[in-house]
Amino acid sequence: MQRPWRNQLRLSNIGKDYALRAAELAPNDAEAHLSVAISYVKMSLILGSREKMEASRKVKAAVDRAISLDPHNDLAWHVFGPLA
């Protein structure tokens, strides 16, 4: 029997891969970079401690990029809040 968190992790990785691809295809789109950050945030709920630390660095980098592209993006600032 497959554990439920494994399926969550598999689906989260698929979502993250799509978000990374979007950010790669549209490097000047704040929403694309924000989707990367949100993907990592959602994944961090099911990751171990070491992976959470790595994910938090990636979230910070993606949110910083999104804010630099669109400083008026409220959702980016909301995601950035706990990281500050």
Protein backbone atom coordinates (compact mmCIF):
# COMPACT_ATOMS: atom_id res chain seq x y z
CA MET A 1 0.00 0.00 0.00
CA GLN A 2 1.36 3.38 -0.99
CA ARG A 3 1.57 6.02 1.71
CA PRO A 4 -0.60 9.11 1.08
CA TRP A 5 2.28 11.56 1.58
CA ARG A 6 4.24 9.90 -1.23
CA ASN A 7 1.46 10.69 -3.66
CA GLN A 8 1.31 14.26 -2.31
CA LEU A 9 5.06 14.59 -2.81
CA ARG A 10 4.86 13.20 -6.34
CA LEU A 11 2.07 15.62 -7.29
CA SER A 12 3.88 18.51 -5.59
CA ASN A 13 6.99 17.77 -7.62
CA ILE A 14 4.94 17.82 -10.82
CA GLY A 15 3.48 21.21 -9.88
CA LYS A 16 6.91 22.54 -8.95
CA ASP A 17 8.34 21.37 -12.26
CA TYR A 18 5.60 23.20 -14.17
CA ALA A 19 6.21 26.35 -12.13
CA LEU A 20 9.96 26.19 -12.77
CA ARG A 21 9.29 25.71 -16.45
CA ALA A 22 6.97 28.72 -16.50
CA ALA A 23 9.61 30.86 -14.78
CA GLU A 24 12.20 29.67 -17.28
CA LEU A 25 9.96 30.45 -20.26
CA ALA A 26 8.86 33.84 -18.87
CA PRO A 27 11.81 35.16 -16.86
CA ASN A 28 10.29 38.66 -16.59
CA ASP A 29 6.89 37.49 -15.32
CA ALA A 30 6.43 38.04 -11.59
CA GLU A 31 3.53 35.58 -11.42
CA ALA A 32 5.69 32.80 -12.84
CA HIS A 33 8.34 33.33 -10.15
CA LEU A 34 5.66 33.60 -7.49
CA SER A 35 4.25 30.24 -8.57
CA VAL A 36 7.68 28.70 -7.97
CA ALA A 37 7.72 30.13 -4.45
CA ILE A 38 4.21 28.92 -3.69
CA SER A 39 5.04 25.45 -4.99
CA TYR A 40 7.99 25.19 -2.62
CA VAL A 41 5.92 26.53 0.29
CA LYS A 42 3.25 23.89 -0.28
CA MET A 43 5.89 21.17 -0.60
CA SER A 44 7.58 22.21 2.64
CA LEU A 45 4.56 20.96 4.58
CA ILE A 46 5.48 17.35 3.74
CA LEU A 47 9.29 17.57 3.56
CA GLY A 48 11.85 16.69 6.19
CA SER A 49 13.88 19.28 8.07
CA ARG A 50 16.85 19.37 5.71
CA GLU A 51 14.62 19.65 2.65
CA LYS A 52 12.56 22.39 4.33
CA MET A 53 15.69 24.50 4.81
CA GLU A 54 16.65 24.10 1.15
CA ALA A 55 13.08 24.87 0.06
CA SER A 56 13.01 28.04 2.19
CA ARG A 57 16.10 29.34 0.37
CA LYS A 58 14.42 28.68 -2.96
CA VAL A 59 11.20 30.35 -1.79
CA LYS A 60 13.15 33.44 -0.72
CA ALA A 61 14.96 33.64 -4.06
CA ALA A 62 11.75 33.23 -6.07
CA VAL A 63 9.82 35.76 -3.97
CA ASP A 64 12.68 38.27 -4.18
CA ARG A 65 12.64 37.92 -7.97
CA ALA A 66 8.84 38.31 -8.12
CA ILE A 67 8.94 41.44 -5.95
CA SER A 68 11.76 42.93 -7.99
CA LEU A 69 9.67 42.44 -11.13
CA ASP A 70 6.41 43.70 -9.60
CA PRO A 71 6.78 45.60 -6.32
CA HIS A 72 2.97 46.03 -6.12
CA ASN A 73 2.23 42.29 -6.08
CA ASP A 74 0.40 41.84 -2.78
CA LEU A 75 0.57 38.05 -2.82
CA ALA A 76 4.35 38.15 -3.26
CA TRP A 77 4.64 40.42 -0.23
CA HIS A 78 2.32 38.11 1.70
CA VAL A 79 4.55 35.11 0.93
CA PHE A 80 7.63 37.19 1.73
CA GLY A 81 6.30 38.24 5.17
CA PRO A 82 7.27 35.15 7.20
CA LEU A 83 10.68 35.05 5.47
CA ALA A 84 11.69 38.57 6.47
